[in-house]
All heavy atoms as atom14 arrays in JSON, in Angstrom:
{
  "sequence": "GYEAQGDWPQFKDSQWVPVNGSHGYGCACIKAVVNAKKMQIVSIISGN",
  "atom14_mask": [
    [1, 1, 1, 1, 0, 0, 0, 0, 0, 0, 0, 0, 0, 0],
    [1, 1, 1, 1, 1, 1, 1, 1, 1, 1, 1, 1, 0, 0],
    [1, 1, 1, 1, 1, 1, 1, 1, 1, 0, 0, 0, 0, 0],
    [1, 1, 1, 1, 1, 0, 0, 0, 0, 0, 0, 0, 0, 0],
    [1, 1, 1, 1, 1, 1, 1, 1, 1, 0, 0, 0, 0, 0],
    [1, 1, 1, 1, 0, 0, 0, 0, 0, 0, 0, 0, 0, 0],
    [1, 1, 1, 1, 1, 1, 1, 1, 0, 0, 0, 0, 0, 0],
    [1, 1, 1, 1, 1, 1, 1, 1, 1, 1, 1, 1, 1, 1],
    [1, 1, 1, 1, 1, 1, 1, 0, 0, 0, 0, 0, 0, 0],
    [1, 1, 1, 1, 1, 1, 1, 1, 1, 0, 0, 0, 0, 0],
    [1, 1, 1, 1, 1, 1, 1, 1, 1, 1, 1, 0, 0, 0],
    [1, 1, 1, 1, 1, 1, 1, 1, 1, 0, 0, 0, 0, 0],
    [1, 1, 1, 1, 1, 1, 1, 1, 0, 0, 0, 0, 0, 0],
    [1, 1, 1, 1, 1, 1, 0, 0, 0, 0, 0, 0, 0, 0],
    [1, 1, 1, 1, 1, 1, 1, 1, 1, 0, 0, 0, 0, 0],
    [1, 1, 1, 1, 1, 1, 1, 1, 1, 1, 1, 1, 1, 1],
    [1, 1, 1, 1, 1, 1, 1, 0, 0, 0, 0, 0, 0, 0],
    [1, 1, 1, 1, 1, 1, 1, 0, 0, 0, 0, 0, 0, 0],
    [1, 1, 1, 1, 1, 1, 1, 0, 0, 0, 0, 0, 0, 0],
    [1, 1, 1, 1, 1, 1, 1, 1, 0, 0, 0, 0, 0, 0],
    [1, 1, 1, 1, 0, 0, 0, 0, 0, 0, 0, 0, 0, 0],
    [1, 1, 1, 1, 1, 1, 0, 0, 0, 0, 0, 0, 0, 0],
    [1, 1, 1, 1, 1, 1, 1, 1, 1, 1, 0, 0, 0, 0],
    [1, 1, 1, 1, 0, 0, 0, 0, 0, 0, 0, 0, 0, 0],
    [1, 1, 1, 1, 1, 1, 1, 1, 1, 1, 1, 1, 0, 0],
    [1, 1, 1, 1, 0, 0, 0, 0, 0, 0, 0, 0, 0, 0],
    [1, 1, 1, 1, 1, 1, 0, 0, 0, 0, 0, 0, 0, 0],
    [1, 1, 1, 1, 1, 0, 0, 0, 0, 0, 0, 0, 0, 0],
    [1, 1, 1, 1, 1, 1, 0, 0, 0, 0, 0, 0, 0, 0],
    [1, 1, 1, 1, 1, 1, 1, 1, 0, 0, 0, 0, 0, 0],
    [1, 1, 1, 1, 1, 1, 1, 1, 1, 0, 0, 0, 0, 0],
    [1, 1, 1, 1, 1, 0, 0, 0, 0, 0, 0, 0, 0, 0],
    [1, 1, 1, 1, 1, 1, 1, 0, 0, 0, 0, 0, 0, 0],
    [1, 1, 1, 1, 1, 1, 1, 0, 0, 0, 0, 0, 0, 0],
    [1, 1, 1, 1, 1, 1, 1, 1, 0, 0, 0, 0, 0, 0],
    [1, 1, 1, 1, 1, 0, 0, 0, 0, 0, 0, 0, 0, 0],
    [1, 1, 1, 1, 1, 1, 1, 1, 1, 0, 0, 0, 0, 0],
    [1, 1, 1, 1, 1, 1, 1, 1, 1, 0, 0, 0, 0, 0],
    [1, 1, 1, 1, 1, 1, 1, 1, 0, 0, 0, 0, 0, 0],
    [1, 1, 1, 1, 1, 1, 1, 1, 1, 0, 0, 0, 0, 0],
    [1, 1, 1, 1, 1, 1, 1, 1, 0, 0, 0, 0, 0, 0],
    [1, 1, 1, 1, 1, 1, 1, 0, 0, 0, 0, 0, 0, 0],
    [1, 1, 1, 1, 1, 1, 0, 0, 0, 0, 0, 0, 0, 0],
    [1, 1, 1, 1, 1, 1, 1, 1, 0, 0, 0, 0, 0, 0],
    [1, 1, 1, 1, 1, 1, 1, 1, 0, 0, 0, 0, 0, 0],
    [1, 1, 1, 1, 1, 1, 0, 0, 0, 0, 0, 0, 0, 0],
    [1, 1, 1, 1, 0, 0, 0, 0, 0, 0, 0, 0, 0, 0],
    [1, 1, 1, 1, 1, 1, 1, 1, 0, 0, 0, 0, 0, 0]
  ],
  "atom14_positions": [
    [[-108.15, -27.14, -12.49], [-106.91, -27.47, -13.24], [-106.9, -28.81, -13.78], [-107.74, -29.3, -14.4], [0.0, 0.0, 0.0], [0.0, 0.0, 0.0], [0.0, 0.0, 0.0], [0.0, 0.0, 0.0], [0.0, 0.0, 0.0], [0.0, 0.0, 0.0], [0.0, 0.0, 0.0], [0.0, 0.0, 0.0], [0.0, 0.0, 0.0], [0.0, 0.0, 0.0]],
    [[-105.77, -29.54, -13.32], [-105.56, -30.85, -13.8], [-106.64, -31.82, -13.28], [-107.01, -31.74, -12.18], [-104.17, -31.32, -13.31], [-103.86, -32.67, -13.74], [-103.38, -32.98, -14.99], [-104.03, -33.78, -12.85], [-103.19, -34.27, -15.45], [-103.77, -35.07, -13.24], [-103.31, -35.33, -14.56], [-103.1, -36.56, -15.03], [0.0, 0.0, 0.0], [0.0, 0.0, 0.0]],
    [[-106.98, -32.77, -14.14], [-107.82, -33.98, -13.73], [-107.54, -35.15, -14.58], [-107.55, -35.08, -15.86], [-109.29, -33.59, -13.8], [-110.22, -34.64, -13.32], [-111.64, -34.26, -13.08], [-112.0, -33.1, -13.22], [-112.46, -35.19, -12.83], [0.0, 0.0, 0.0], [0.0, 0.0, 0.0], [0.0, 0.0, 0.0], [0.0, 0.0, 0.0], [0.0, 0.0, 0.0]],
    [[-107.27, -36.27, -13.9], [-107.06, -37.5, -14.59], [-108.3, -37.98, -15.31], [-109.42, -37.68, -14.82], [-106.52, -38.58, -13.67], [0.0, 0.0, 0.0], [0.0, 0.0, 0.0], [0.0, 0.0, 0.0], [0.0, 0.0, 0.0], [0.0, 0.0, 0.0], [0.0, 0.0, 0.0], [0.0, 0.0, 0.0], [0.0, 0.0, 0.0], [0.0, 0.0, 0.0]],
    [[-108.13, -38.69, -16.38], [-109.33, -39.3, -17.1], [-109.77, -40.57, -16.26], [-108.94, -41.18, -15.61], [-108.97, -39.7, -18.49], [-108.56, -38.59, -19.37], [-108.13, -39.02, -20.75], [-107.92, -40.22, -21.01], [-107.97, -38.05, -21.69], [0.0, 0.0, 0.0], [0.0, 0.0, 0.0], [0.0, 0.0, 0.0], [0.0, 0.0, 0.0], [0.0, 0.0, 0.0]],
    [[-111.02, -40.89, -16.44], [-111.51, -42.06, -15.75], [-112.25, -41.73, -14.45], [-112.37, -40.69, -13.96], [0.0, 0.0, 0.0], [0.0, 0.0, 0.0], [0.0, 0.0, 0.0], [0.0, 0.0, 0.0], [0.0, 0.0, 0.0], [0.0, 0.0, 0.0], [0.0, 0.0, 0.0], [0.0, 0.0, 0.0], [0.0, 0.0, 0.0], [0.0, 0.0, 0.0]],
    [[-112.9, -42.81, -14.0], [-113.76, -42.77, -12.8], [-112.99, -43.02, -11.48], [-112.18, -43.99, -11.46], [-114.89, -43.74, -12.89], [-115.83, -43.42, -14.03], [-115.99, -42.22, -14.38], [-116.39, -44.38, -14.69], [0.0, 0.0, 0.0], [0.0, 0.0, 0.0], [0.0, 0.0, 0.0], [0.0, 0.0, 0.0], [0.0, 0.0, 0.0], [0.0, 0.0, 0.0]],
    [[-113.28, -42.29, -10.48], [-112.68, -42.35, -9.2], [-113.32, -43.61, -8.52], [-114.52, -44.01, -8.82], [-112.93, -41.18, -8.33], [-112.33, -40.02, -8.88], [-111.48, -39.79, -9.96], [-112.37, -38.69, -8.23], [-111.06, -38.52, -10.04], [-111.52, -37.79, -8.99], [-112.96, -38.14, -7.1], [-111.41, -36.43, -8.72], [-112.84, -36.81, -6.77], [-112.06, -35.99, -7.58]],
    [[-112.66, -44.26, -7.61], [-113.27, -45.41, -6.82], [-114.48, -44.99, -6.07], [-114.62, -43.78, -5.71], [-112.13, -45.78, -5.83], [-110.93, -45.13, -6.27], [-111.32, -43.99, -7.09], [0.0, 0.0, 0.0], [0.0, 0.0, 0.0], [0.0, 0.0, 0.0], [0.0, 0.0, 0.0], [0.0, 0.0, 0.0], [0.0, 0.0, 0.0], [0.0, 0.0, 0.0]],
    [[-115.41, -45.87, -5.98], [-116.66, -45.67, -5.18], [-116.55, -46.3, -3.79], [-116.13, -47.45, -3.74], [-117.89, -46.21, -5.97], [-118.09, -45.53, -7.26], [-118.4, -44.14, -7.18], [-119.28, -43.66, -6.41], [-117.72, -43.23, -7.8], [0.0, 0.0, 0.0], [0.0, 0.0, 0.0], [0.0, 0.0, 0.0], [0.0, 0.0, 0.0], [0.0, 0.0, 0.0]],
    [[-116.88, -45.59, -2.75], [-116.71, -46.06, -1.33], [-118.01, -46.25, -0.7], [-118.99, -45.43, -0.85], [-115.92, -45.04, -0.58], [-114.42, -44.96, -1.1], [-114.18, -44.02, -2.05], [-113.44, -45.62, -0.54], [-112.89, -43.86, -2.57], [-112.14, -45.51, -1.02], [-111.82, -44.55, -1.98], [0.0, 0.0, 0.0], [0.0, 0.0, 0.0], [0.0, 0.0, 0.0]],
    [[-118.16, -47.32, 0.08], [-119.27, -47.46, 0.96], [-119.05, -46.6, 2.23], [-117.9, -46.24, 2.42], [-119.47, -48.99, 1.37], [-119.71, -49.91, 0.25], [-119.72, -51.4, 0.8], [-119.86, -52.29, -0.38], [-119.77, -53.74, 0.09], [0.0, 0.0, 0.0], [0.0, 0.0, 0.0], [0.0, 0.0, 0.0], [0.0, 0.0, 0.0], [0.0, 0.0, 0.0]],
    [[-119.98, -46.34, 2.99], [-119.89, -45.52, 4.24], [-118.76, -46.17, 5.14], [-118.01, -45.37, 5.73], [-121.22, -45.41, 4.96], [-122.17, -44.41, 4.24], [-121.78, -43.73, 3.27], [-123.4, -44.52, 4.62], [0.0, 0.0, 0.0], [0.0, 0.0, 0.0], [0.0, 0.0, 0.0], [0.0, 0.0, 0.0], [0.0, 0.0, 0.0], [0.0, 0.0, 0.0]],
    [[-118.8, -47.46, 5.19], [-117.78, -48.06, 6.03], [-116.38, -48.04, 5.66], [-115.44, -48.26, 6.3], [-118.18, -49.6, 6.33], [-118.18, -50.26, 5.05], [0.0, 0.0, 0.0], [0.0, 0.0, 0.0], [0.0, 0.0, 0.0], [0.0, 0.0, 0.0], [0.0, 0.0, 0.0], [0.0, 0.0, 0.0], [0.0, 0.0, 0.0], [0.0, 0.0, 0.0]],
    [[-116.19, -47.63, 4.33], [-114.9, -47.56, 3.79], [-114.42, -46.07, 3.6], [-113.41, -45.78, 3.04], [-114.91, -48.12, 2.36], [-115.2, -49.61, 2.29], [-115.49, -50.06, 0.86], [-116.21, -49.45, 0.1], [-114.88, -51.16, 0.55], [0.0, 0.0, 0.0], [0.0, 0.0, 0.0], [0.0, 0.0, 0.0], [0.0, 0.0, 0.0], [0.0, 0.0, 0.0]],
    [[-115.12, -45.1, 4.13], [-114.88, -43.64, 4.0], [-114.82, -42.94, 5.3], [-115.7, -43.1, 6.18], [-116.02, -43.09, 3.13], [-115.68, -41.72, 2.51], [-116.42, -40.58, 2.92], [-114.78, -41.3, 1.67], [-115.88, -39.45, 2.27], [-114.87, -39.94, 1.45], [-113.76, -42.01, 0.96], [-114.05, -39.23, 0.57], [-112.92, -41.34, 0.02], [-113.11, -39.93, -0.11]],
    [[-113.92, -42.02, 5.49], [-113.77, -41.25, 6.61], [-114.13, -39.8, 6.17], [-113.31, -39.12, 5.51], [-112.31, -41.27, 7.27], [-112.25, -40.34, 8.41], [-111.95, -42.73, 7.62], [0.0, 0.0, 0.0], [0.0, 0.0, 0.0], [0.0, 0.0, 0.0], [0.0, 0.0, 0.0], [0.0, 0.0, 0.0], [0.0, 0.0, 0.0], [0.0, 0.0, 0.0]],
    [[-115.31, -39.28, 6.6], [-115.66, -37.95, 6.15], [-114.94, -36.89, 7.03], [-114.84, -37.09, 8.29], [-117.16, -37.86, 6.42], [-117.43, -38.9, 7.4], [-116.39, -39.99, 7.28], [0.0, 0.0, 0.0], [0.0, 0.0, 0.0], [0.0, 0.0, 0.0], [0.0, 0.0, 0.0], [0.0, 0.0, 0.0], [0.0, 0.0, 0.0], [0.0, 0.0, 0.0]],
    [[-114.44, -35.88, 6.39], [-113.74, -34.79, 7.07], [-114.22, -33.4, 6.79], [-113.99, -32.44, 7.49], [-112.12, -34.83, 6.89], [-111.6, -36.12, 7.47], [-111.85, -34.68, 5.48], [0.0, 0.0, 0.0], [0.0, 0.0, 0.0], [0.0, 0.0, 0.0], [0.0, 0.0, 0.0], [0.0, 0.0, 0.0], [0.0, 0.0, 0.0], [0.0, 0.0, 0.0]],
    [[-114.99, -33.35, 5.61], [-115.52, -32.01, 5.21], [-116.81, -32.3, 4.52], [-116.85, -32.35, 3.27], [-114.49, -31.41, 4.32], [-114.86, -29.98, 3.75], [-115.82, -29.38, 4.32], [-114.33, -29.61, 2.73], [0.0, 0.0, 0.0], [0.0, 0.0, 0.0], [0.0, 0.0, 0.0], [0.0, 0.0, 0.0], [0.0, 0.0, 0.0], [0.0, 0.0, 0.0]],
    [[-117.91, -32.47, 5.29], [-119.17, -32.92, 4.66], [-118.96, -34.28, 4.11], [-118.62, -35.28, 4.83], [0.0, 0.0, 0.0], [0.0, 0.0, 0.0], [0.0, 0.0, 0.0], [0.0, 0.0, 0.0], [0.0, 0.0, 0.0], [0.0, 0.0, 0.0], [0.0, 0.0, 0.0], [0.0, 0.0, 0.0], [0.0, 0.0, 0.0], [0.0, 0.0, 0.0]],
    [[-119.31, -34.45, 2.8], [-119.1, -35.77, 2.11], [-117.65, -35.97, 1.72], [-117.4, -37.11, 1.17], [-120.13, -35.81, 0.94], [-119.78, -34.82, 0.02], [0.0, 0.0, 0.0], [0.0, 0.0, 0.0], [0.0, 0.0, 0.0], [0.0, 0.0, 0.0], [0.0, 0.0, 0.0], [0.0, 0.0, 0.0], [0.0, 0.0, 0.0], [0.0, 0.0, 0.0]],
    [[-116.81, -35.04, 1.78], [-115.41, -35.19, 1.39], [-114.64, -35.78, 2.55], [-114.95, -35.66, 3.69], [-114.84, -33.87, 0.94], [-115.53, -33.31, -0.3], [-116.6, -32.55, -0.18], [-115.36, -33.56, -1.6], [-117.12, -32.27, -1.44], [-116.3, -32.85, -2.27], [0.0, 0.0, 0.0], [0.0, 0.0, 0.0], [0.0, 0.0, 0.0], [0.0, 0.0, 0.0]],
    [[-113.51, -36.49, 2.19], [-112.72, -37.11, 3.21], [-111.74, -38.03, 2.5], [-111.12, -37.74, 1.5], [0.0, 0.0, 0.0], [0.0, 0.0, 0.0], [0.0, 0.0, 0.0], [0.0, 0.0, 0.0], [0.0, 0.0, 0.0], [0.0, 0.0, 0.0], [0.0, 0.0, 0.0], [0.0, 0.0, 0.0], [0.0, 0.0, 0.0], [0.0, 0.0, 0.0]],
    [[-111.54, -39.26, 3.07], [-110.56, -40.2, 2.51], [-111.02, -41.67, 2.73], [-111.85, -42.0, 3.62], [-109.16, -39.93, 3.05], [-109.08, -40.15, 4.62], [-108.7, -41.31, 5.1], [-109.31, -39.09, 5.45], [-108.51, -41.51, 6.46], [-109.22, -39.25, 6.81], [-108.76, -40.48, 7.35], [-108.67, -40.65, 8.69], [0.0, 0.0, 0.0], [0.0, 0.0, 0.0]],
    [[-110.35, -42.46, 1.94], [-110.62, -43.97, 2.11], [-109.44, -44.72, 1.5], [-108.47, -44.14, 0.97], [0.0, 0.0, 0.0], [0.0, 0.0, 0.0], [0.0, 0.0, 0.0], [0.0, 0.0, 0.0], [0.0, 0.0, 0.0], [0.0, 0.0, 0.0], [0.0, 0.0, 0.0], [0.0, 0.0, 0.0], [0.0, 0.0, 0.0], [0.0, 0.0, 0.0]],
    [[-109.41, -46.02, 1.69], [-108.35, -46.9, 1.22], [-108.81, -47.44, -0.12], [-109.95, -47.9, -0.31], [-108.15, -47.99, 2.24], [-106.74, -49.06, 1.95], [0.0, 0.0, 0.0], [0.0, 0.0, 0.0], [0.0, 0.0, 0.0], [0.0, 0.0, 0.0], [0.0, 0.0, 0.0], [0.0, 0.0, 0.0], [0.0, 0.0, 0.0], [0.0, 0.0, 0.0]],
    [[-107.93, -47.38, -1.18], [-108.25, -47.9, -2.52], [-107.03, -48.44, -3.16], [-105.91, -48.04, -2.96], [-108.83, -46.68, -3.18], [0.0, 0.0, 0.0], [0.0, 0.0, 0.0], [0.0, 0.0, 0.0], [0.0, 0.0, 0.0], [0.0, 0.0, 0.0], [0.0, 0.0, 0.0], [0.0, 0.0, 0.0], [0.0, 0.0, 0.0], [0.0, 0.0, 0.0]],
    [[-107.32, -49.13, -4.27], [-106.39, -49.57, -5.26], [-106.82, -48.99, -6.59], [-108.01, -49.13, -6.87], [-106.13, -51.08, -5.34], [-105.26, -51.78, -3.95], [0.0, 0.0, 0.0], [0.0, 0.0, 0.0], [0.0, 0.0, 0.0], [0.0, 0.0, 0.0], [0.0, 0.0, 0.0], [0.0, 0.0, 0.0], [0.0, 0.0, 0.0], [0.0, 0.0, 0.0]],
    [[-105.87, -48.44, -7.34], [-106.25, -47.84, -8.67], [-105.3, -48.41, -9.63], [-104.1, -48.34, -9.54], [-106.06, -46.25, -8.55], [-107.12, -45.6, -7.56], [-106.25, -45.64, -10.0], [-106.95, -44.15, -7.47], [0.0, 0.0, 0.0], [0.0, 0.0, 0.0], [0.0, 0.0, 0.0], [0.0, 0.0, 0.0], [0.0, 0.0, 0.0], [0.0, 0.0, 0.0]],
    [[-105.88, -48.95, -10.75], [-105.23, -49.41, -11.88], [-105.17, -48.21, -12.86], [-106.29, -47.74, -13.21], [-105.8, -50.61, -12.52], [-105.02, -51.15, -13.65], [-105.61, -52.41, -14.29], [-104.76, -52.94, -15.37], [-105.33, -54.18, -15.98], [0.0, 0.0, 0.0], [0.0, 0.0, 0.0], [0.0, 0.0, 0.0], [0.0, 0.0, 0.0], [0.0, 0.0, 0.0]],
    [[-103.97, -47.7, -13.18], [-103.93, -46.48, -13.93], [-102.64, -46.39, -14.76], [-101.65, -47.05, -14.43], [-104.0, -45.28, -13.01], [0.0, 0.0, 0.0], [0.0, 0.0, 0.0], [0.0, 0.0, 0.0], [0.0, 0.0, 0.0], [0.0, 0.0, 0.0], [0.0, 0.0, 0.0], [0.0, 0.0, 0.0], [0.0, 0.0, 0.0], [0.0, 0.0, 0.0]],
    [[-102.7, -45.48, -15.75], [-101.51, -45.01, -16.4], [-101.0, -43.83, -15.62], [-101.87, -42.9, -15.27], [-101.83, -44.71, -17.91], [-100.58, -44.06, -18.56], [-102.24, -45.9, -18.69], [0.0, 0.0, 0.0], [0.0, 0.0, 0.0], [0.0, 0.0, 0.0], [0.0, 0.0, 0.0], [0.0, 0.0, 0.0], [0.0, 0.0, 0.0], [0.0, 0.0, 0.0]],
    [[-99.81, -43.76, -15.29], [-99.2, -42.66, -14.5], [-98.09, -41.93, -15.24], [-97.5, -42.58, -16.18], [-98.68, -43.16, -13.18], [-99.77, -43.93, -12.43], [-97.5, -44.06, -13.3], [0.0, 0.0, 0.0], [0.0, 0.0, 0.0], [0.0, 0.0, 0.0], [0.0, 0.0, 0.0], [0.0, 0.0, 0.0], [0.0, 0.0, 0.0], [0.0, 0.0, 0.0]],
    [[-97.87, -40.79, -14.81], [-96.68, -40.0, -15.2], [-95.78, -39.96, -14.01], [-96.05, -39.16, -13.08], [-97.01, -38.63, -15.74], [-95.82, -37.79, -16.18], [-94.68, -37.94, -15.68], [-95.98, -36.96, -17.2], [0.0, 0.0, 0.0], [0.0, 0.0, 0.0], [0.0, 0.0, 0.0], [0.0, 0.0, 0.0], [0.0, 0.0, 0.0], [0.0, 0.0, 0.0]],
    [[-94.82, -40.87, -13.83], [-93.99, -41.0, -12.69], [-93.14, -39.78, -12.45], [-92.95, -39.36, -11.28], [-93.1, -42.23, -12.84], [0.0, 0.0, 0.0], [0.0, 0.0, 0.0], [0.0, 0.0, 0.0], [0.0, 0.0, 0.0], [0.0, 0.0, 0.0], [0.0, 0.0, 0.0], [0.0, 0.0, 0.0], [0.0, 0.0, 0.0], [0.0, 0.0, 0.0]],
    [[-92.69, -39.1, -13.48], [-91.89, -37.92, -13.3], [-92.66, -36.75, -12.63], [-92.14, -36.12, -11.79], [-91.43, -37.41, -14.71], [-90.44, -36.33, -14.67], [-89.91, -35.98, -16.03], [-88.91, -34.85, -16.06], [-88.51, -34.43, -17.4], [0.0, 0.0, 0.0], [0.0, 0.0, 0.0], [0.0, 0.0, 0.0], [0.0, 0.0, 0.0], [0.0, 0.0, 0.0]],
    [[-93.92, -36.61, -12.98], [-94.75, -35.56, -12.37], [-95.6, -36.1, -11.19], [-96.29, -35.29, -10.58], [-95.73, -35.08, -13.46], [-95.09, -34.25, -14.61], [-96.05, -33.65, -15.49], [-95.44, -32.82, -16.63], [-96.46, -32.28, -17.47], [0.0, 0.0, 0.0], [0.0, 0.0, 0.0], [0.0, 0.0, 0.0], [0.0, 0.0, 0.0], [0.0, 0.0, 0.0]],
    [[-95.54, -37.39, -10.91], [-96.27, -38.0, -9.79], [-97.8, -37.67, -10.04], [-98.52, -37.22, -9.16], [-95.83, -37.54, -8.4], [-94.47, -38.02, -8.03], [-94.3, -39.7, -7.77], [-95.15, -39.91, -6.18], [0.0, 0.0, 0.0], [0.0, 0.0, 0.0], [0.0, 0.0, 0.0], [0.0, 0.0, 0.0], [0.0, 0.0, 0.0], [0.0, 0.0, 0.0]],
    [[-98.26, -38.01, -11.29], [-99.63, -37.73, -11.66], [-100.24, -39.02, -12.16], [-99.6, -39.85, -12.79], [-99.83, -36.71, -12.73], [-99.56, -35.26, -12.42], [-99.68, -34.33, -13.58], [-99.48, -34.77, -14.72], [-100.17, -33.2, -13.25], [0.0, 0.0, 0.0], [0.0, 0.0, 0.0], [0.0, 0.0, 0.0], [0.0, 0.0, 0.0], [0.0, 0.0, 0.0]],
    [[-101.54, -39.27, -11.74], [-102.3, -40.34, -12.41], [-102.9, -39.7, -13.64], [-103.51, -38.67, -13.57], [-103.51, -40.73, -11.38], [-103.0, -41.14, -10.06], [-104.39, -41.68, -12.08], [-102.3, -42.4, -9.97], [0.0, 0.0, 0.0], [0.0, 0.0, 0.0], [0.0, 0.0, 0.0], [0.0, 0.0, 0.0], [0.0, 0.0, 0.0], [0.0, 0.0, 0.0]],
    [[-102.61, -40.26, -14.76], [-102.98, -39.73, -16.04], [-104.34, -40.29, -16.4], [-105.25, -39.51, -16.85], [-102.03, -40.11, -17.12], [-102.39, -39.63, -18.55], [-100.6, -39.54, -16.7], [0.0, 0.0, 0.0], [0.0, 0.0, 0.0], [0.0, 0.0, 0.0], [0.0, 0.0, 0.0], [0.0, 0.0, 0.0], [0.0, 0.0, 0.0], [0.0, 0.0, 0.0]],
    [[-104.61, -41.57, -16.29], [-105.77, -42.19, -16.72], [-106.11, -43.4, -15.8], [-105.35, -44.27, -15.62], [-105.69, -42.68, -18.19], [-106.79, -43.31, -18.64], [0.0, 0.0, 0.0], [0.0, 0.0, 0.0], [0.0, 0.0, 0.0], [0.0, 0.0, 0.0], [0.0, 0.0, 0.0], [0.0, 0.0, 0.0], [0.0, 0.0, 0.0], [0.0, 0.0, 0.0]],
    [[-107.36, -43.29, -15.17], [-107.74, -44.33, -14.28], [-108.48, -45.37, -15.07], [-109.52, -45.18, -15.66], [-108.62, -43.81, -13.12], [-107.9, -42.82, -12.28], [-109.22, -44.97, -12.26], [-108.75, -42.09, -11.31], [0.0, 0.0, 0.0], [0.0, 0.0, 0.0], [0.0, 0.0, 0.0], [0.0, 0.0, 0.0], [0.0, 0.0, 0.0], [0.0, 0.0, 0.0]],
    [[-108.04, -46.58, -15.06], [-108.59, -47.77, -15.76], [-109.69, -48.33, -14.89], [-110.74, -48.72, -15.28], [-107.56, -48.79, -16.22], [-106.6, -48.1, -17.21], [-108.16, -50.0, -16.78], [-105.33, -48.85, -17.47], [0.0, 0.0, 0.0], [0.0, 0.0, 0.0], [0.0, 0.0, 0.0], [0.0, 0.0, 0.0], [0.0, 0.0, 0.0], [0.0, 0.0, 0.0]],
    [[-109.31, -48.49, -13.63], [-110.3, -49.05, -12.62], [-109.86, -48.67, -11.18], [-108.7, -48.38, -10.99], [-110.46, -50.56, -12.68], [-109.21, -51.19, -12.35], [0.0, 0.0, 0.0], [0.0, 0.0, 0.0], [0.0, 0.0, 0.0], [0.0, 0.0, 0.0], [0.0, 0.0, 0.0], [0.0, 0.0, 0.0], [0.0, 0.0, 0.0], [0.0, 0.0, 0.0]],
    [[-110.87, -48.57, -10.36], [-110.48, -48.15, -8.94], [-111.46, -48.96, -8.04], [-112.59, -49.08, -8.24], [0.0, 0.0, 0.0], [0.0, 0.0, 0.0], [0.0, 0.0, 0.0], [0.0, 0.0, 0.0], [0.0, 0.0, 0.0], [0.0, 0.0, 0.0], [0.0, 0.0, 0.0], [0.0, 0.0, 0.0], [0.0, 0.0, 0.0], [0.0, 0.0, 0.0]],
    [[-110.81, -49.61, -6.98], [-111.57, -50.34, -6.08], [-111.31, -49.91, -4.68], [-110.14, -49.79, -4.25], [-111.14, -51.91, -6.19], [-111.42, -52.45, -7.54], [-112.54, -52.32, -8.01], [-110.42, -53.02, -8.15], [0.0, 0.0, 0.0], [0.0, 0.0, 0.0], [0.0, 0.0, 0.0], [0.0, 0.0, 0.0], [0.0, 0.0, 0.0], [0.0, 0.0, 0.0]]
  ]
}
């Protein structure tokens, strides 16, 4: 279904908690255009 434009942040192993194979979570800051009403990231400009 829905997918924001732009590249997701890249994580080092030390910055990532795997929970499902290579999938999981990490801490990041994303500079993006958002749709606040829908709580959606529309376009990612950069992610760290």
